[in-house]
């Protein structure tokens, strides 16, 4: 299974043209561009990354594809997402994507960390639309990846009654990424 493609396929089903989405880990901008294409020219995508290089790559990618007016590139920690989403968009986010780990083709010592990812997930709950979707792709093969993955799994388990949860993993591969699709259930808050 190609986990990124599966995450995008499932997210596409949750995003209507004109809606609002967030790429919580912009990286090279691939998910950001995907989200921009889904929301279209009337929608909004917030793309966050702690690394300036990632934000520059993302901005260039969406600009070259003609979506610069749709995407707000934000150089910030994903735990601080609430500082960057205006009041009129709170509670209206149709989809948020996390691609945890490190920025490909860069310093592998700079990685997402469990404490900030959990804070980001906590904050995202108040921003998500009632039936909004969170896609979390976690890589267990790097030094802090397993701990972060375990923390995310615990966060999800504590909220199982409020969400429909799918967990995908290649059981034949011990270092397989884990993809969680976490969908809000209307009226469960």
Protein backbone atom coordinates (compact mmCIF):
# COMPACT_ATOMS: atom_id res chain seq x y z
CA UNK A 1 0.00 0.00 0.00
CA UNK A 2 1.23 3.49 -0.80
CA UNK A 3 0.15 5.26 2.36
CA UNK A 4 0.40 8.84 1.05
CA UNK A 5 -1.79 8.02 -1.93
CA UNK A 6 -4.30 6.25 0.31
CA UNK A 7 -4.42 9.23 2.68
CA UNK A 8 -5.00 11.58 -0.25
CA UNK A 9 -7.69 9.34 -1.74
CA UNK A 10 -9.61 9.30 1.51
CA UNK A 11 -9.13 13.01 2.15
CA UNK A 12 -10.39 13.86 -1.35
CA UNK A 13 -13.72 12.26 -0.41
CA UNK A 14 -14.09 14.70 2.52
CA UNK A 15 -13.18 17.94 0.80
CA UNK A 16 -15.69 19.97 -1.18
CA UNK A 17 -14.66 22.80 -3.48
CA UNK A 18 -14.56 26.03 -1.49
CA UNK A 19 -13.82 24.35 1.81
CA UNK A 20 -10.95 24.85 4.25
CA UNK A 21 -8.10 22.41 4.86
CA UNK A 22 -4.80 22.32 6.73
CA UNK A 23 -1.47 20.69 5.93
CA UNK A 24 -0.07 20.45 9.45
CA UNK A 25 3.40 19.43 8.19
CA UNK A 26 4.00 21.19 4.86
CA UNK A 27 7.34 19.56 4.05
CA UNK A 28 7.93 19.69 0.30
CA UNK A 29 4.39 20.89 -0.35
CA UNK A 30 2.99 17.77 -1.97
CA UNK A 31 0.03 17.43 0.42
CA UNK A 32 -0.43 21.20 0.41
CA UNK A 33 -0.79 21.24 -3.37
CA UNK A 34 -3.11 18.24 -3.22
CA UNK A 35 -5.32 20.04 -0.68
CA UNK A 36 -5.30 23.22 -2.78
CA UNK A 37 -6.45 21.26 -5.82
CA UNK A 38 -9.26 19.75 -3.74
CA UNK A 39 -10.55 23.02 -2.25
CA UNK A 40 -10.14 24.86 -5.55
CA UNK A 41 -9.77 28.57 -6.11
CA UNK A 42 -12.63 29.42 -3.71
CA UNK A 43 -11.16 27.46 -0.80
CA UNK A 44 -8.36 28.01 1.69
CA UNK A 45 -5.42 25.85 2.72
CA UNK A 46 -3.21 26.57 5.70
CA UNK A 47 0.25 25.00 5.41
CA UNK A 48 2.50 24.98 8.47
CA UNK A 49 6.06 23.89 8.97
CA UNK A 50 8.70 24.66 11.56
CA UNK A 51 11.44 24.70 8.93
CA UNK A 52 11.82 27.79 6.76
CA UNK A 53 13.18 25.66 3.92
CA UNK A 54 9.99 23.58 3.92
CA UNK A 55 7.81 26.68 3.75
CA UNK A 56 9.90 28.05 0.87
CA UNK A 57 9.60 24.76 -1.04
CA UNK A 58 5.87 24.62 -0.41
CA UNK A 59 5.32 28.23 -1.47
CA UNK A 60 7.26 27.64 -4.68
CA UNK A 61 5.36 24.43 -5.48
CA UNK A 62 1.90 25.96 -5.02
CA UNK A 63 2.90 29.14 -6.84
CA UNK A 64 4.18 27.20 -9.85
CA UNK A 65 0.91 25.28 -9.93
CA UNK A 66 -1.17 28.47 -9.79
CA UNK A 67 -2.54 28.07 -6.26
CA UNK A 68 -0.63 30.79 -4.39
CA UNK A 69 -3.84 32.72 -3.71
CA UNK A 70 -5.43 29.67 -2.07
CA UNK A 71 -2.58 28.65 0.24
CA UNK A 72 -1.37 30.47 3.34
CA UNK A 73 2.17 29.26 4.04
CA UNK A 74 3.02 29.67 7.70
CA UNK A 75 6.47 29.26 9.23
CA UNK A 76 5.39 27.94 12.63
CA UNK A 77 5.13 24.85 14.80
CA UNK A 78 2.00 22.84 14.04
CA UNK A 79 1.14 23.01 17.75
CA UNK A 80 0.49 26.73 17.21
CA UNK A 81 -2.13 26.28 14.49
CA UNK A 82 -4.80 28.14 16.49
CA UNK A 83 -2.70 31.31 16.27
CA UNK A 84 -3.04 31.24 12.48
CA UNK A 85 -6.64 30.23 11.80
CA UNK A 86 -9.05 33.20 11.98
CA UNK A 87 -12.27 32.96 13.97
CA UNK A 88 -14.43 32.63 10.86
CA UNK A 89 -12.65 29.40 9.90
CA UNK A 90 -12.72 27.75 13.32
CA UNK A 91 -15.02 24.75 13.45
CA UNK A 92 -15.06 24.64 9.64
CA UNK A 93 -11.89 22.73 8.74
CA UNK A 94 -12.97 19.84 6.53
CA UNK A 95 -9.63 18.04 6.50
CA UNK A 96 -6.22 18.22 8.14
CA UNK A 97 -3.20 16.16 7.14
CA UNK A 98 -0.13 15.21 9.18
CA UNK A 99 2.86 13.55 7.54
CA UNK A 100 5.05 13.06 10.60
CA UNK A 101 8.79 12.54 10.75
CA UNK A 102 11.45 14.56 8.98
CA UNK A 103 11.61 16.71 5.86
CA UNK A 104 12.78 14.52 2.97
CA UNK A 105 16.15 15.50 1.51
CA UNK A 106 17.12 17.56 4.55
CA UNK A 107 18.51 17.27 8.08
CA UNK A 108 17.06 14.03 9.48
CA UNK A 109 17.77 15.15 13.03
CA UNK A 110 14.96 17.72 12.75
CA UNK A 111 11.80 15.68 13.26
CA UNK A 112 8.29 16.10 14.53
CA UNK A 113 8.01 15.26 18.22
CA UNK A 114 5.25 13.63 20.25
CA UNK A 115 4.63 16.58 22.64
CA UNK A 116 4.03 19.14 19.88
CA UNK A 117 2.10 16.69 17.71
CA UNK A 118 -0.24 15.93 20.62
CA UNK A 119 -0.73 19.65 21.28
CA UNK A 120 -1.46 20.13 17.58
CA UNK A 121 -4.06 17.36 17.66
CA UNK A 122 -5.65 18.81 20.81
CA UNK A 123 -5.90 22.23 19.18
CA UNK A 124 -7.15 20.83 15.90
CA UNK A 125 -10.18 19.31 17.62
CA UNK A 126 -11.65 22.78 18.15
CA UNK A 127 -10.92 23.83 14.56
CA UNK A 128 -12.34 20.78 12.80
CA UNK A 129 -15.83 20.73 11.29
CA UNK A 130 -18.20 18.29 13.07
CA UNK A 131 -17.57 15.53 10.51
CA UNK A 132 -14.09 16.70 9.55
CA UNK A 133 -11.25 14.32 8.82
CA UNK A 134 -7.74 14.10 10.24
CA UNK A 135 -5.17 12.06 8.34
CA UNK A 136 -2.07 11.11 10.33
CA UNK A 137 0.80 9.31 8.62
CA UNK A 138 3.44 8.27 11.12
CA UNK A 139 6.81 6.70 10.39
CA UNK A 140 8.14 4.36 13.05
CA UNK A 141 11.53 3.76 11.43
CA UNK A 142 13.38 6.88 12.62
CA UNK A 143 14.69 7.32 16.18
CA UNK A 144 11.71 9.20 17.67
CA UNK A 145 9.10 7.88 15.25
CA UNK A 146 8.04 4.90 17.34
CA UNK A 147 7.46 7.04 20.45
CA UNK A 148 5.53 9.62 18.45
CA UNK A 149 3.43 6.89 16.85
CA UNK A 150 2.63 5.39 20.26
CA UNK A 151 1.64 8.82 21.58
CA UNK A 152 -0.68 9.41 18.61
CA UNK A 153 -2.22 5.97 19.10
CA UNK A 154 -2.87 6.82 22.76
CA UNK A 155 -4.41 10.18 21.83
CA UNK A 156 -6.74 8.46 19.37
CA UNK A 157 -7.69 5.70 21.84
CA UNK A 158 -8.75 8.28 24.45
CA UNK A 159 -11.18 9.79 21.94
CA UNK A 160 -12.51 6.63 20.31
CA UNK A 161 -16.13 7.44 21.22
CA UNK A 162 -15.97 10.79 19.39
CA UNK A 163 -14.43 9.60 16.14
CA UNK A 164 -14.64 6.93 13.51
CA UNK A 165 -11.10 5.60 13.32
CA UNK A 166 -9.31 3.55 10.71
CA UNK A 167 -5.76 2.33 11.19
CA UNK A 168 -3.75 1.02 8.25
CA UNK A 169 -0.36 -0.66 8.45
CA UNK A 170 1.59 -3.24 6.46
CA UNK A 171 1.73 -6.02 9.06
CA UNK A 172 4.44 -7.84 7.08
CA UNK A 173 6.84 -4.91 7.55
CA UNK A 174 7.96 -4.07 11.11
CA UNK A 175 9.05 -0.59 9.98
CA UNK A 176 5.80 0.08 8.11
CA UNK A 177 4.34 3.56 8.37
CA UNK A 178 1.00 3.76 10.15
CA UNK A 179 -1.87 5.69 8.63
CA UNK A 180 -4.77 6.76 10.82
CA UNK A 181 -7.90 8.30 9.38
CA UNK A 182 -9.83 10.00 12.19
CA UNK A 183 -13.27 11.34 11.27
CA UNK A 184 -15.43 13.42 13.56
CA UNK A 185 -18.93 12.21 14.32
CA UNK A 186 -21.52 14.99 14.30
CA UNK A 187 -22.98 15.68 17.73
CA UNK A 188 -20.33 13.72 19.62
CA UNK A 189 -18.46 16.69 21.13
